[in-house]
Amino acid sequence: MIYTQEQHNDCTIIRFQEKRIDVLVAQELKTELLKLFDTGEKRLGLDLSNVTFVDSSGLGALVAVLKKARPEGALCLWGLTPEVKSLFELTQLYKVFDIYELEQDALSRC
């Protein structure tokens, strides 16, 4: 899985460089993000602007990370491409995740 990591105040930002979050990267994604929470991070921001496809394993990994984040921390998503946004709407997960159009909005609330 290819991503960059940076800090913005108390939020760790993960910028995915992968086009797909699928079975090939889902387990690694889950492991890496859960490790961040295990090391004391409380707030994660995920920039999905490069991601054009997410399958069920990718969604499962994101849901597992969200469960770990709550109730003490936060997981904010932004930059959803039309394809990924459509998937979140179809699965009704847009009601569960904190999803923002713009990075600055996500970071001000995350």
N, C-alpha and C. Protein backbone atom coordinates (compact mmCIF):
# COMPACT_ATOMS: atom_id res chain seq x y z
N MET A 1 0.85 -1.17 0.00
CA MET A 1 0.00 0.00 0.00
C MET A 1 0.90 1.23 0.00
N ILE A 2 0.58 2.16 -0.86
CA ILE A 2 1.39 3.37 -0.99
C ILE A 2 0.58 4.55 -0.45
N TYR A 3 1.18 5.26 0.52
CA TYR A 3 0.54 6.43 1.10
C TYR A 3 1.60 7.33 1.70
N THR A 4 1.21 8.55 1.96
CA THR A 4 2.07 9.46 2.72
C THR A 4 1.36 9.78 4.03
N GLN A 5 2.15 10.18 5.00
CA GLN A 5 1.61 10.49 6.32
C GLN A 5 2.18 11.82 6.78
N GLU A 6 1.32 12.67 7.32
CA GLU A 6 1.77 13.96 7.84
C GLU A 6 0.90 14.35 9.03
N GLN A 7 1.38 15.29 9.79
CA GLN A 7 0.66 15.79 10.96
C GLN A 7 0.06 17.15 10.66
N HIS A 8 -1.13 17.37 11.14
CA HIS A 8 -1.77 18.69 11.12
C HIS A 8 -2.40 18.88 12.50
N ASN A 9 -1.74 19.67 13.32
CA ASN A 9 -2.14 19.81 14.73
C ASN A 9 -2.20 18.43 15.36
N ASP A 10 -3.35 18.03 15.88
CA ASP A 10 -3.42 16.72 16.53
C ASP A 10 -4.04 15.64 15.63
N CYS A 11 -4.09 15.90 14.35
CA CYS A 11 -4.66 14.96 13.39
C CYS A 11 -3.55 14.39 12.50
N THR A 12 -3.52 13.07 12.37
CA THR A 12 -2.60 12.43 11.44
C THR A 12 -3.31 12.26 10.11
N ILE A 13 -2.72 12.81 9.07
CA ILE A 13 -3.31 12.74 7.74
C ILE A 13 -2.65 11.63 6.94
N ILE A 14 -3.48 10.78 6.35
CA ILE A 14 -3.01 9.72 5.47
C ILE A 14 -3.50 10.06 4.07
N ARG A 15 -2.56 10.20 3.15
CA ARG A 15 -2.90 10.49 1.75
C ARG A 15 -2.59 9.25 0.92
N PHE A 16 -3.65 8.62 0.45
CA PHE A 16 -3.49 7.40 -0.34
C PHE A 16 -2.99 7.72 -1.73
N GLN A 17 -2.00 6.97 -2.16
CA GLN A 17 -1.48 7.10 -3.51
C GLN A 17 -2.01 5.97 -4.40
N GLU A 18 -2.67 5.00 -3.78
CA GLU A 18 -3.26 3.88 -4.51
C GLU A 18 -4.53 4.35 -5.22
N LYS A 19 -4.79 3.78 -6.36
CA LYS A 19 -6.05 4.04 -7.07
C LYS A 19 -7.16 3.14 -6.56
N ARG A 20 -6.77 1.99 -5.99
CA ARG A 20 -7.74 1.00 -5.55
C ARG A 20 -7.49 0.61 -4.10
N ILE A 21 -8.57 0.53 -3.35
CA ILE A 21 -8.52 -0.06 -2.01
C ILE A 21 -9.35 -1.34 -2.14
N ASP A 22 -8.64 -2.41 -2.40
CA ASP A 22 -9.30 -3.69 -2.66
C ASP A 22 -8.64 -4.79 -1.85
N VAL A 23 -8.96 -6.01 -2.18
CA VAL A 23 -8.47 -7.16 -1.43
C VAL A 23 -6.94 -7.21 -1.37
N LEU A 24 -6.28 -6.64 -2.36
CA LEU A 24 -4.83 -6.66 -2.39
C LEU A 24 -4.18 -5.74 -1.36
N VAL A 25 -4.87 -4.69 -0.95
CA VAL A 25 -4.29 -3.74 0.01
C VAL A 25 -5.11 -3.57 1.29
N ALA A 26 -6.30 -4.15 1.35
CA ALA A 26 -7.21 -3.89 2.48
C ALA A 26 -6.62 -4.32 3.81
N GLN A 27 -6.02 -5.51 3.87
CA GLN A 27 -5.49 -5.98 5.15
C GLN A 27 -4.32 -5.11 5.62
N GLU A 28 -3.47 -4.73 4.69
CA GLU A 28 -2.34 -3.86 5.05
C GLU A 28 -2.85 -2.49 5.50
N LEU A 29 -3.85 -1.97 4.82
CA LEU A 29 -4.46 -0.69 5.21
C LEU A 29 -4.99 -0.78 6.64
N LYS A 30 -5.76 -1.80 6.90
CA LYS A 30 -6.33 -1.99 8.24
C LYS A 30 -5.22 -2.09 9.29
N THR A 31 -4.22 -2.91 9.04
CA THR A 31 -3.13 -3.11 9.98
C THR A 31 -2.39 -1.80 10.26
N GLU A 32 -2.04 -1.08 9.21
CA GLU A 32 -1.28 0.17 9.37
C GLU A 32 -2.08 1.23 10.13
N LEU A 33 -3.36 1.37 9.80
CA LEU A 33 -4.16 2.40 10.46
C LEU A 33 -4.47 2.03 11.90
N LEU A 34 -4.72 0.75 12.17
CA LEU A 34 -4.96 0.34 13.55
C LEU A 34 -3.72 0.52 14.40
N LYS A 35 -2.53 0.32 13.81
CA LYS A 35 -1.28 0.54 14.53
C LYS A 35 -1.17 1.98 15.01
N LEU A 36 -1.63 2.91 14.18
CA LEU A 36 -1.59 4.32 14.58
C LEU A 36 -2.40 4.56 15.85
N PHE A 37 -3.59 3.98 15.91
CA PHE A 37 -4.41 4.12 17.12
C PHE A 37 -3.75 3.43 18.30
N ASP A 38 -3.13 2.27 18.05
CA ASP A 38 -2.46 1.54 19.13
C ASP A 38 -1.27 2.30 19.70
N THR A 39 -0.67 3.18 18.90
CA THR A 39 0.47 3.97 19.37
C THR A 39 0.05 5.31 19.96
N GLY A 40 -1.25 5.52 20.11
CA GLY A 40 -1.72 6.71 20.79
C GLY A 40 -2.38 7.77 19.94
N GLU A 41 -2.38 7.60 18.62
CA GLU A 41 -3.09 8.57 17.78
C GLU A 41 -4.58 8.49 18.09
N LYS A 42 -5.23 9.62 18.07
CA LYS A 42 -6.67 9.66 18.35
C LYS A 42 -7.48 10.16 17.16
N ARG A 43 -6.82 10.89 16.27
CA ARG A 43 -7.54 11.51 15.16
C ARG A 43 -6.83 11.22 13.85
N LEU A 44 -7.57 10.61 12.93
CA LEU A 44 -7.03 10.32 11.60
C LEU A 44 -7.87 11.00 10.55
N GLY A 45 -7.20 11.55 9.57
CA GLY A 45 -7.85 12.11 8.40
C GLY A 45 -7.37 11.36 7.17
N LEU A 46 -8.31 10.85 6.38
CA LEU A 46 -7.96 10.08 5.19
C LEU A 46 -8.31 10.85 3.93
N ASP A 47 -7.30 11.16 3.16
CA ASP A 47 -7.49 11.83 1.87
C ASP A 47 -7.65 10.75 0.80
N LEU A 48 -8.87 10.63 0.28
CA LEU A 48 -9.18 9.60 -0.70
C LEU A 48 -9.25 10.15 -2.13
N SER A 49 -8.69 11.30 -2.35
CA SER A 49 -8.84 11.95 -3.66
C SER A 49 -8.19 11.19 -4.82
N ASN A 50 -7.24 10.31 -4.53
CA ASN A 50 -6.62 9.51 -5.59
C ASN A 50 -7.29 8.16 -5.79
N VAL A 51 -8.20 7.80 -4.90
CA VAL A 51 -8.82 6.48 -4.93
C VAL A 51 -10.05 6.50 -5.85
N THR A 52 -10.06 5.59 -6.82
CA THR A 52 -11.20 5.51 -7.75
C THR A 52 -12.02 4.24 -7.58
N PHE A 53 -11.55 3.31 -6.73
CA PHE A 53 -12.27 2.06 -6.54
C PHE A 53 -12.06 1.53 -5.13
N VAL A 54 -13.14 1.12 -4.50
CA VAL A 54 -13.09 0.47 -3.20
C VAL A 54 -14.00 -0.75 -3.28
N ASP A 55 -13.47 -1.91 -2.88
CA ASP A 55 -14.32 -3.10 -2.86
C ASP A 55 -14.78 -3.40 -1.43
N SER A 56 -15.46 -4.52 -1.26
CA SER A 56 -16.02 -4.84 0.07
C SER A 56 -14.93 -5.03 1.11
N SER A 57 -13.76 -5.58 0.72
CA SER A 57 -12.69 -5.72 1.71
C SER A 57 -12.15 -4.36 2.12
N GLY A 58 -12.08 -3.43 1.18
CA GLY A 58 -11.64 -2.08 1.51
C GLY A 58 -12.62 -1.40 2.45
N LEU A 59 -13.92 -1.56 2.16
CA LEU A 59 -14.93 -0.99 3.06
C LEU A 59 -14.84 -1.62 4.45
N GLY A 60 -14.63 -2.93 4.48
CA GLY A 60 -14.50 -3.62 5.77
C GLY A 60 -13.32 -3.10 6.57
N ALA A 61 -12.22 -2.83 5.90
CA ALA A 61 -11.03 -2.29 6.58
C ALA A 61 -11.33 -0.91 7.14
N LEU A 62 -11.99 -0.08 6.37
CA LEU A 62 -12.33 1.27 6.83
C LEU A 62 -13.30 1.23 8.01
N VAL A 63 -14.26 0.31 7.97
CA VAL A 63 -15.21 0.17 9.08
C VAL A 63 -14.48 -0.29 10.34
N ALA A 64 -13.54 -1.21 10.21
CA ALA A 64 -12.77 -1.68 11.38
C ALA A 64 -11.98 -0.54 12.00
N VAL A 65 -11.41 0.31 11.16
CA VAL A 65 -10.64 1.46 11.66
C VAL A 65 -11.58 2.45 12.35
N LEU A 66 -12.75 2.67 11.77
CA LEU A 66 -13.73 3.57 12.38
C LEU A 66 -14.15 3.07 13.76
N LYS A 67 -14.37 1.76 13.89
CA LYS A 67 -14.75 1.19 15.18
C LYS A 67 -13.65 1.42 16.22
N LYS A 68 -12.41 1.31 15.80
CA LYS A 68 -11.28 1.54 16.71
C LYS A 68 -11.20 3.02 17.12
N ALA A 69 -11.52 3.90 16.19
CA ALA A 69 -11.42 5.34 16.44
C ALA A 69 -12.45 5.82 17.45
N ARG A 70 -13.62 5.28 17.39
CA ARG A 70 -14.70 5.76 18.24
C ARG A 70 -14.75 4.98 19.54
N PRO A 71 -15.20 5.55 20.61
CA PRO A 71 -15.80 6.87 20.75
C PRO A 71 -14.81 7.95 21.14
N GLU A 72 -13.56 7.57 21.44
CA GLU A 72 -12.60 8.54 21.96
C GLU A 72 -11.92 9.39 20.89
N GLY A 73 -11.84 8.88 19.67
CA GLY A 73 -11.11 9.58 18.63
C GLY A 73 -12.01 9.94 17.46
N ALA A 74 -11.36 10.15 16.31
CA ALA A 74 -12.11 10.55 15.12
C ALA A 74 -11.45 9.97 13.87
N LEU A 75 -12.27 9.71 12.89
CA LEU A 75 -11.81 9.30 11.57
C LEU A 75 -12.60 10.12 10.56
N CYS A 76 -11.90 10.99 9.85
CA CYS A 76 -12.54 11.87 8.87
C CYS A 76 -12.05 11.51 7.47
N LEU A 77 -12.97 11.49 6.53
CA LEU A 77 -12.65 11.21 5.13
C LEU A 77 -12.96 12.44 4.30
N TRP A 78 -12.16 12.63 3.24
CA TRP A 78 -12.47 13.71 2.30
C TRP A 78 -11.89 13.36 0.94
N GLY A 79 -12.34 14.13 -0.05
CA GLY A 79 -11.83 13.96 -1.40
C GLY A 79 -12.38 12.74 -2.11
N LEU A 80 -13.57 12.28 -1.73
CA LEU A 80 -14.12 11.10 -2.38
C LEU A 80 -14.39 11.38 -3.86
N THR A 81 -13.87 10.51 -4.70
CA THR A 81 -14.15 10.61 -6.14
C THR A 81 -15.61 10.21 -6.36
N PRO A 82 -16.18 10.56 -7.50
CA PRO A 82 -17.59 10.21 -7.75
C PRO A 82 -17.87 8.71 -7.60
N GLU A 83 -16.93 7.87 -8.03
CA GLU A 83 -17.13 6.43 -7.92
C GLU A 83 -17.18 5.97 -6.47
N VAL A 84 -16.26 6.48 -5.67
CA VAL A 84 -16.20 6.09 -4.26
C VAL A 84 -17.37 6.71 -3.49
N LYS A 85 -17.70 7.93 -3.79
CA LYS A 85 -18.84 8.57 -3.15
C LYS A 85 -20.13 7.80 -3.42
N SER A 86 -20.28 7.34 -4.64
CA SER A 86 -21.45 6.55 -5.01
C SER A 86 -21.53 5.26 -4.19
N LEU A 87 -20.40 4.62 -3.97
CA LEU A 87 -20.37 3.40 -3.17
C LEU A 87 -20.78 3.67 -1.73
N PHE A 88 -20.29 4.76 -1.14
CA PHE A 88 -20.66 5.11 0.22
C PHE A 88 -22.16 5.43 0.32
N GLU A 89 -22.72 6.02 -0.73
CA GLU A 89 -24.16 6.30 -0.74
C GLU A 89 -24.95 5.02 -0.91
N LEU A 90 -24.52 4.15 -1.81
CA LEU A 90 -25.21 2.88 -2.07
C LEU A 90 -25.25 2.00 -0.83
N THR A 91 -24.17 1.97 -0.09
CA THR A 91 -24.08 1.14 1.12
C THR A 91 -24.58 1.85 2.37
N GLN A 92 -24.99 3.10 2.23
CA GLN A 92 -25.47 3.92 3.34
C GLN A 92 -24.37 4.25 4.36
N LEU A 93 -23.11 3.98 4.02
CA LEU A 93 -22.01 4.27 4.94
C LEU A 93 -21.73 5.76 5.08
N TYR A 94 -22.26 6.57 4.19
CA TYR A 94 -22.10 8.01 4.32
C TYR A 94 -22.79 8.50 5.60
N LYS A 95 -23.73 7.71 6.13
CA LYS A 95 -24.40 8.08 7.38
C LYS A 95 -23.55 7.74 8.60
N VAL A 96 -22.57 6.88 8.43
CA VAL A 96 -21.75 6.38 9.53
C VAL A 96 -20.42 7.13 9.64
N PHE A 97 -19.80 7.40 8.49
CA PHE A 97 -18.50 8.07 8.45
C PHE A 97 -18.67 9.58 8.44
N ASP A 98 -17.66 10.28 8.94
CA ASP A 98 -17.60 11.73 8.83
C ASP A 98 -16.90 12.03 7.51
N ILE A 99 -17.69 12.43 6.51
CA ILE A 99 -17.18 12.65 5.15
C ILE A 99 -17.34 14.12 4.81
N TYR A 100 -16.25 14.69 4.27
CA TYR A 100 -16.24 16.10 3.91
C TYR A 100 -15.79 16.26 2.46
N GLU A 101 -16.25 17.30 1.84
CA GLU A 101 -15.85 17.59 0.47
C GLU A 101 -14.42 18.14 0.45
N LEU A 102 -14.14 19.05 1.35
CA LEU A 102 -12.86 19.75 1.36
C LEU A 102 -12.00 19.37 2.55
N GLU A 103 -10.70 19.29 2.31
CA GLU A 103 -9.75 18.96 3.36
C GLU A 103 -9.83 19.92 4.54
N GLN A 104 -9.92 21.21 4.26
CA GLN A 104 -9.93 22.19 5.34
C GLN A 104 -11.16 22.02 6.24
N ASP A 105 -12.29 21.63 5.66
CA ASP A 105 -13.48 21.38 6.48
C ASP A 105 -13.27 20.16 7.38
N ALA A 106 -12.69 19.11 6.81
CA ALA A 106 -12.43 17.89 7.58
C ALA A 106 -11.47 18.18 8.72
N LEU A 107 -10.40 18.89 8.44
CA LEU A 107 -9.39 19.15 9.46
C LEU A 107 -9.88 20.10 10.55
N SER A 108 -10.82 20.95 10.23
CA SER A 108 -11.37 21.84 11.25
C SER A 108 -12.33 21.11 12.18
N ARG A 109 -12.81 19.94 11.76
CA ARG A 109 -13.76 19.19 12.58
C ARG A 109 -13.20 17.87 13.09
N CYS A 110 -12.10 17.44 12.54
CA CYS A 110 -11.55 16.14 12.89
C CYS A 110 -10.73 16.21 14.17
